[in-house]
Amino acid sequence: MNKKIWIVLGVIALVIFWGVGARNSMATSDQEVKASWANVQSAYQRRADLIPNLVKTVQGVANFEKSTLTAVIEARASATQMKLDAKDLSPENMQKYQAAQSSLGGALSRLMVVAENYPQLKATENFSELQAQLEGTENRIKEERDRFNDSVKGYNSLIVTFPNNLIASFSGFAEKGFFQAEAGSEKAPEVNFDEKK
């Protein structure tokens, strides 16, 4: 009788240790996702911090298109108002956040395209430096989003696999959303060098 009790107690102890280990692994993975998210936000904040200097530099050029500058300023305001806590990285919230950031990225792209029509602006050292910093920042943003997606993949894989999903459901761990490509980005841009006569 004593031997059976010890076996049962041993099995119960193993299950408890496994459950605690699985729960701790999920908590560690969740913290990695949160740290990755903080890095993504930091990269986006760097971009937002560069924009006022860029706008001031561009405003110094006579006859620069005011509507383009206004679009950049409004998109920056919208993007910086959109806050997403690392505790609520649901796919729906990720889409909202990504939409605000994409709007700002699109406005910046239009600004850079319009700036090509102003040789005196392109010749300004300050503008060239800001343009290079923005390009570097966009690369950082992409790298941080990729790292974030990697950490989300690891976390989601951990909490949805059996038997970890049992511990995850009892402990309140839920799947987190990924950064995804913008709608329509799967289509290659159409390039046409033929001049119409």
Protein backbone atom coordinates (compact mmCIF):
# COMPACT_ATOMS: atom_id res chain seq x y z
CA MET A 1 0.00 0.00 0.00
CA ASN A 2 2.81 2.41 0.88
CA LYS A 3 4.51 1.72 -2.45
CA LYS A 4 1.36 2.66 -4.40
CA ILE A 5 0.96 5.88 -2.42
CA TRP A 6 4.57 6.85 -3.15
CA ILE A 7 4.09 6.14 -6.85
CA VAL A 8 0.91 8.26 -6.96
CA LEU A 9 2.61 11.07 -5.03
CA GLY A 10 5.60 10.84 -7.37
CA VAL A 11 3.38 11.14 -10.45
CA ILE A 12 1.51 14.08 -8.93
CA ALA A 13 4.83 15.78 -8.11
CA LEU A 14 6.06 15.26 -11.70
CA VAL A 15 2.86 16.73 -13.13
CA ILE A 16 3.13 19.74 -10.80
CA PHE A 17 6.79 20.32 -11.69
CA TRP A 18 5.98 20.00 -15.38
CA GLY A 19 3.08 22.47 -15.03
CA VAL A 20 5.22 24.98 -13.16
CA GLY A 21 7.99 24.62 -15.75
CA ALA A 22 5.56 25.08 -18.64
CA ARG A 23 3.98 28.13 -16.96
CA ASN A 24 7.41 29.67 -16.37
CA SER A 25 8.40 29.07 -20.00
CA MET A 26 5.24 30.85 -21.14
CA ALA A 27 5.91 33.78 -18.82
CA THR A 28 9.49 34.05 -20.11
CA SER A 29 8.32 33.93 -23.72
CA ASP A 30 5.67 36.56 -22.96
CA GLN A 31 8.38 38.85 -21.58
CA GLU A 32 10.42 38.36 -24.77
CA VAL A 33 7.41 39.45 -26.83
CA LYS A 34 6.97 42.52 -24.63
CA ALA A 35 10.66 43.44 -24.97
CA SER A 36 10.46 43.00 -28.75
CA TRP A 37 7.36 45.18 -28.84
CA ALA A 38 9.17 47.90 -26.86
CA ASN A 39 11.95 47.83 -29.47
CA VAL A 40 9.40 48.20 -32.29
CA GLN A 41 7.84 51.19 -30.54
CA SER A 42 11.28 52.71 -29.96
CA ALA A 43 12.08 52.46 -33.67
CA TYR A 44 8.76 54.07 -34.59
CA GLN A 45 9.37 56.79 -32.00
CA ARG A 46 12.74 57.55 -33.61
CA ARG A 47 10.97 58.10 -36.91
CA ALA A 48 8.37 60.34 -35.25
CA ASP A 49 11.14 62.35 -33.58
CA LEU A 50 12.90 62.99 -36.91
CA ILE A 51 9.79 64.29 -38.65
CA PRO A 52 9.59 67.75 -36.99
CA ASN A 53 13.16 68.52 -38.10
CA LEU A 54 12.39 67.28 -41.59
CA VAL A 55 9.24 69.39 -41.79
CA LYS A 56 11.11 72.51 -40.59
CA THR A 57 13.80 71.96 -43.22
CA VAL A 58 11.24 71.48 -45.99
CA GLN A 59 9.17 74.48 -44.87
CA GLY A 60 12.18 76.68 -45.52
CA VAL A 61 11.86 76.08 -49.25
CA ALA A 62 9.66 78.61 -50.98
CA ASN A 63 6.53 77.32 -52.70
CA PHE A 64 6.79 73.81 -51.24
CA GLU A 65 3.48 71.99 -51.43
CA LYS A 66 1.67 72.78 -48.18
CA SER A 67 -0.81 69.92 -48.57
CA THR A 68 2.05 67.41 -48.51
CA LEU A 69 3.48 68.90 -45.32
CA THR A 70 0.05 69.00 -43.72
CA ALA A 71 -0.49 65.33 -44.56
CA VAL A 72 2.83 64.41 -42.90
CA ILE A 73 2.07 66.45 -39.79
CA GLU A 74 -1.43 64.97 -39.45
CA ALA A 75 -0.21 61.41 -40.06
CA ARG A 76 2.51 61.85 -37.42
CA ALA A 77 -0.05 63.14 -34.92
CA SER A 78 -2.34 60.19 -35.64
CA ALA A 79 0.49 57.65 -35.40
CA THR A 80 1.84 59.01 -32.12
CA GLN A 81 -1.65 59.08 -30.57
CA MET A 82 -2.16 55.39 -31.33
CA LYS A 83 -0.84 53.59 -28.25
CA LEU A 84 -0.80 49.82 -27.99
CA ASP A 85 0.12 48.20 -24.71
CA ALA A 86 2.24 45.06 -24.84
CA LYS A 87 -0.42 43.29 -22.76
CA ASP A 88 -3.01 43.69 -25.53
CA LEU A 89 -1.27 42.64 -28.76
CA SER A 90 -4.35 41.03 -30.28
CA PRO A 91 -4.46 40.70 -34.08
CA GLU A 92 -7.17 43.39 -34.27
CA ASN A 93 -5.17 45.90 -32.23
CA MET A 94 -2.04 45.12 -34.24
CA GLN A 95 -3.93 45.95 -37.45
CA LYS A 96 -5.06 49.30 -36.05
CA TYR A 97 -1.55 50.17 -34.92
CA GLN A 98 -0.08 49.09 -38.22
CA ALA A 99 -2.63 51.16 -40.15
CA ALA A 100 -1.65 54.32 -38.25
CA GLN A 101 2.04 53.67 -38.86
CA SER A 102 1.44 52.83 -42.53
CA SER A 103 -0.39 56.12 -42.99
CA LEU A 104 2.64 57.97 -41.66
CA GLY A 105 4.99 55.93 -43.86
CA GLY A 106 2.89 56.73 -46.91
CA ALA A 107 2.85 60.46 -46.11
CA LEU A 108 6.64 60.43 -45.70
CA SER A 109 7.04 58.63 -49.02
CA ARG A 110 4.92 61.27 -50.76
CA LEU A 111 7.01 63.99 -49.10
CA MET A 112 10.22 62.44 -50.42
CA VAL A 113 8.79 62.09 -53.92
CA VAL A 114 7.62 65.70 -53.97
CA ALA A 115 10.99 66.84 -52.58
CA GLU A 116 12.64 65.49 -55.75
CA ASN A 117 11.05 68.42 -57.62
CA TYR A 118 12.94 70.95 -55.49
CA PRO A 119 16.66 70.97 -56.40
CA GLN A 120 17.46 73.64 -53.78
CA LEU A 121 15.98 71.35 -51.11
CA LYS A 122 17.89 68.30 -52.32
CA ALA A 123 21.09 70.36 -52.23
CA THR A 124 20.55 71.25 -48.55
CA GLU A 125 22.93 69.30 -46.34
CA ASN A 126 20.41 69.18 -43.49
CA PHE A 127 17.75 67.64 -45.74
CA SER A 128 20.19 65.06 -47.09
CA GLU A 129 21.23 64.11 -43.57
CA LEU A 130 17.61 63.83 -42.39
CA GLN A 131 16.74 61.77 -45.46
CA ALA A 132 19.61 59.36 -44.68
CA GLN A 133 18.53 59.13 -41.03
CA LEU A 134 14.94 58.37 -42.06
CA GLU A 135 16.13 55.68 -44.44
CA GLY A 136 18.21 54.11 -41.67
CA THR A 137 15.26 54.36 -39.29
CA GLU A 138 12.95 52.61 -41.76
CA ASN A 139 15.50 49.77 -41.95
CA ARG A 140 15.57 49.57 -38.14
CA ILE A 141 11.78 49.48 -38.02
CA LYS A 142 11.74 46.55 -40.46
CA GLU A 143 14.38 44.67 -38.44
CA GLU A 144 12.53 45.23 -35.17
CA ARG A 145 9.22 44.12 -36.69
CA ASP A 146 10.92 40.95 -37.94
CA ARG A 147 12.37 40.27 -34.47
CA PHE A 148 8.97 40.94 -32.94
CA ASN A 149 7.31 38.46 -35.31
CA ASP A 150 9.96 35.87 -34.42
CA SER A 151 9.28 36.29 -30.70
CA VAL A 152 5.49 36.15 -31.26
CA LYS A 153 5.93 32.98 -33.30
CA GLY A 154 7.85 31.33 -30.47
CA TYR A 155 5.35 32.47 -27.88
CA ASN A 156 2.28 31.43 -29.89
CA SER A 157 3.83 28.06 -30.70
CA LEU A 158 4.52 27.48 -27.03
CA ILE A 159 0.99 28.24 -25.85
CA VAL A 160 -0.98 26.45 -28.57
CA THR A 161 0.81 23.10 -28.54
CA PHE A 162 -0.57 20.26 -26.48
CA PRO A 163 -0.34 19.88 -23.49
CA ASN A 164 0.96 23.44 -22.95
CA ASN A 165 -2.35 24.80 -24.23
CA LEU A 166 -4.01 23.42 -21.10
CA ILE A 167 -1.69 25.40 -18.83
CA ALA A 168 -2.00 28.46 -21.08
CA SER A 169 -5.80 28.46 -20.93
CA PHE A 170 -5.78 28.17 -17.12
CA SER A 171 -3.09 30.85 -16.79
CA GLY A 172 -4.65 33.41 -19.11
CA PHE A 173 -2.04 33.30 -21.88
CA ALA A 174 -3.60 34.20 -25.25
CA GLU A 175 -2.22 34.32 -28.78
CA LYS A 176 -0.61 37.58 -29.86
CA GLY A 177 -0.87 39.24 -33.28
CA PHE A 178 1.89 39.51 -35.87
CA PHE A 179 2.91 42.47 -37.99
CA GLN A 180 1.59 41.68 -41.45
CA ALA A 181 2.19 43.08 -44.89
CA GLU A 182 -0.05 45.91 -45.95
CA ALA A 183 -3.02 45.03 -48.12
CA GLY A 184 -2.01 45.06 -51.76
CA SER A 185 1.72 44.79 -51.09
CA GLU A 186 1.78 41.35 -52.72
CA LYS A 187 1.30 43.05 -56.10
CA ALA A 188 4.42 44.33 -57.80
CA PRO A 189 4.29 48.02 -58.63
CA GLU A 190 3.68 48.78 -62.27
CA VAL A 191 6.61 50.53 -63.92
CA ASN A 192 6.21 52.11 -67.34
CA PHE A 193 9.05 54.02 -68.99
CA ASP A 194 7.19 54.58 -72.26
CA GLU A 195 6.57 58.25 -72.90
CA LYS A 196 3.20 59.15 -74.34
CA LYS A 197 3.37 61.37 -77.39
